[in-house]
Amino acid sequence: MKRFFLGICSLLFLFSCTNKAEDFDWLVGDWKRVNAEKEFKTFESWQKNKKEYAGFGYTMLENDTIFQEDLRLYKENDLWTLEVTGVNEDPTPFVLSELKPEYFIAENDTNEFPKKIIYKLENDTLKANVSTSEFDVDFEFVKIQE
């Protein structure tokens, strides 16, 4: 009976850790980039929709939107995928290669740029990095308070 109880406790612990790592609620909200050049204003907005997360990112130069992308974070066949739409002709999937409660790494070796995307929350700052082996760009966002 004691072994059975310990087995159940172990399974519950593992299950709770797995669910915690798959909780991306820390992305939810409206974010403004704080490490961009002054003339550019970059934003990301994330929301939770049932079992997936939807994001929208855009950059403005004065009153013109010069870049925009739709982001979707979803699980299919036990794999989490970050899908980026609006940059390439077709949606570009990045499969999560590492997943922790406070960050994830998504990769697509066939994409020209980026090949790797990292999102992580450090204190109140959402940090993102897009990279290849030769080049990378860091993004730092703070949550917009309503």
Protein backbone atom coordinates (compact mmCIF):
# COMPACT_ATOMS: atom_id res chain seq x y z
CA MET A 1 0.00 0.00 0.00
CA LYS A 2 2.86 2.36 0.83
CA ARG A 3 4.46 1.75 -2.60
CA PHE A 4 1.14 2.36 -4.31
CA PHE A 5 0.73 5.66 -2.45
CA LEU A 6 4.31 6.74 -3.31
CA GLY A 7 3.71 5.80 -6.95
CA ILE A 8 0.53 7.89 -7.12
CA CYS A 9 2.30 10.85 -5.46
CA SER A 10 5.17 10.59 -7.95
CA LEU A 11 2.79 10.55 -10.91
CA LEU A 12 0.87 13.53 -9.57
CA PHE A 13 4.12 15.44 -9.06
CA LEU A 14 5.33 14.69 -12.59
CA PHE A 15 1.92 15.60 -14.03
CA SER A 16 1.87 18.93 -12.19
CA CYS A 17 5.40 19.78 -13.37
CA THR A 18 4.52 18.98 -16.96
CA ASN A 19 1.38 21.12 -16.85
CA LYS A 20 3.29 24.02 -15.27
CA ALA A 21 5.85 23.96 -18.09
CA GLU A 22 3.05 23.99 -20.64
CA ASP A 23 1.41 27.06 -19.14
CA PHE A 24 2.27 30.09 -21.28
CA ASP A 25 0.01 32.52 -19.40
CA TRP A 26 3.11 34.62 -18.68
CA LEU A 27 2.95 35.70 -22.35
CA VAL A 28 -0.61 37.02 -22.09
CA GLY A 29 -0.98 40.79 -22.28
CA ASP A 30 0.10 43.80 -24.28
CA TRP A 31 3.84 44.43 -24.50
CA LYS A 32 5.96 47.34 -25.73
CA ARG A 33 9.56 46.96 -26.85
CA VAL A 34 11.97 49.07 -24.79
CA ASN A 35 15.30 48.37 -26.52
CA ALA A 36 14.48 49.58 -30.05
CA GLU A 37 15.80 52.61 -31.87
CA LYS A 38 13.79 55.72 -30.95
CA GLU A 39 12.03 56.11 -34.29
CA PHE A 40 10.65 52.56 -34.21
CA LYS A 41 7.83 51.44 -31.94
CA THR A 42 7.37 47.67 -31.62
CA PHE A 43 4.53 45.90 -29.82
CA GLU A 44 3.34 42.37 -29.14
CA SER A 45 -0.03 41.33 -27.84
CA TRP A 46 -0.81 37.80 -26.60
CA GLN A 47 -4.05 36.16 -25.53
CA LYS A 48 -5.11 32.67 -24.52
CA ASN A 49 -7.73 30.94 -26.66
CA LYS A 50 -8.88 27.64 -25.16
CA LYS A 51 -5.86 25.34 -25.62
CA GLU A 52 -3.61 27.67 -27.60
CA TYR A 53 -2.14 31.15 -27.48
CA ALA A 54 -2.45 33.82 -30.17
CA GLY A 55 -0.08 36.70 -30.61
CA PHE A 56 0.19 39.71 -32.86
CA GLY A 57 3.39 41.67 -33.33
CA TYR A 58 3.96 44.87 -35.24
CA THR A 59 6.44 47.69 -35.70
CA MET A 60 5.59 51.29 -36.54
CA LEU A 61 7.68 54.08 -38.00
CA GLU A 62 5.86 57.32 -37.26
CA ASN A 63 2.25 56.49 -38.26
CA ASP A 64 3.06 53.67 -40.69
CA THR A 65 3.04 49.98 -39.84
CA ILE A 66 6.24 48.69 -41.44
CA PHE A 67 6.13 45.12 -40.09
CA GLN A 68 3.49 42.78 -38.71
CA GLU A 69 3.15 39.10 -37.91
CA ASP A 70 0.61 36.75 -36.41
CA LEU A 71 1.85 34.25 -33.86
CA ARG A 72 0.21 31.05 -32.71
CA LEU A 73 1.45 28.73 -29.99
CA TYR A 74 -0.32 25.39 -30.07
CA LYS A 75 0.10 21.72 -29.22
CA GLU A 76 -0.40 19.01 -31.81
CA ASN A 77 0.59 15.34 -31.49
CA ASP A 78 2.29 16.06 -28.15
CA LEU A 79 4.53 18.75 -29.72
CA TRP A 80 4.25 22.47 -29.05
CA THR A 81 4.71 24.67 -32.10
CA LEU A 82 5.15 28.41 -32.51
CA GLU A 83 3.70 29.32 -35.90
CA VAL A 84 4.57 32.66 -37.51
CA THR A 85 2.32 34.02 -40.27
CA GLY A 86 2.71 37.17 -42.32
CA VAL A 87 6.48 37.15 -42.76
CA ASN A 88 6.93 34.38 -45.34
CA GLU A 89 4.50 33.37 -48.07
CA ASP A 90 3.29 30.40 -46.00
CA PRO A 91 3.02 30.06 -42.21
CA THR A 92 6.38 29.12 -40.70
CA PRO A 93 6.36 26.53 -37.89
CA PHE A 94 8.99 26.50 -35.13
CA VAL A 95 8.87 23.34 -32.99
CA LEU A 96 9.62 23.85 -29.31
CA SER A 97 12.90 22.09 -28.55
CA GLU A 98 13.07 23.18 -24.92
CA LEU A 99 10.26 24.07 -22.55
CA LYS A 100 10.46 25.33 -18.97
CA PRO A 101 7.91 27.22 -16.84
CA GLU A 102 9.61 30.59 -17.54
CA TYR A 103 10.92 30.17 -21.10
CA PHE A 104 10.87 28.19 -24.31
CA ILE A 105 13.08 27.67 -27.34
CA ALA A 106 11.52 27.08 -30.76
CA GLU A 107 13.50 25.98 -33.81
CA ASN A 108 13.15 25.56 -37.56
CA ASP A 109 16.47 24.72 -39.25
CA THR A 110 14.98 25.08 -42.74
CA ASN A 111 13.93 28.71 -42.27
CA GLU A 112 16.41 31.30 -43.56
CA PHE A 113 15.96 33.72 -40.63
CA PRO A 114 15.41 33.09 -37.85
CA LYS A 115 16.25 29.47 -37.21
CA LYS A 116 15.78 29.79 -33.45
CA ILE A 117 13.35 31.84 -31.35
CA ILE A 118 13.65 32.14 -27.58
CA TYR A 119 11.00 33.68 -25.34
CA LYS A 120 11.54 34.09 -21.61
CA LEU A 121 10.18 36.10 -18.75
CA GLU A 122 12.76 37.72 -16.46
CA ASN A 123 11.17 39.62 -13.60
CA ASP A 124 8.68 41.92 -15.38
CA THR A 125 10.49 41.90 -18.73
CA LEU A 126 9.53 39.68 -21.65
CA LYS A 127 12.71 38.87 -23.57
CA ALA A 128 12.82 37.40 -27.04
CA ASN A 129 15.74 36.49 -29.21
CA VAL A 130 15.62 35.52 -32.88
CA SER A 131 18.77 34.06 -34.38
CA THR A 132 20.80 32.00 -36.78
CA SER A 133 24.32 30.80 -36.02
CA GLU A 134 25.68 34.02 -37.58
CA PHE A 135 23.23 36.72 -36.46
CA ASP A 136 20.74 37.46 -33.71
CA VAL A 137 18.38 40.19 -32.54
CA ASP A 138 17.33 40.77 -28.92
CA PHE A 139 13.92 42.15 -27.99
CA GLU A 140 12.98 43.40 -24.53
CA PHE A 141 9.34 44.17 -23.79
CA VAL A 142 7.57 45.63 -20.78
CA LYS A 143 3.90 45.07 -20.14
CA ILE A 144 1.68 48.00 -21.00
CA GLN A 145 -0.37 48.93 -17.95
CA GLU A 146 -4.00 49.79 -18.60
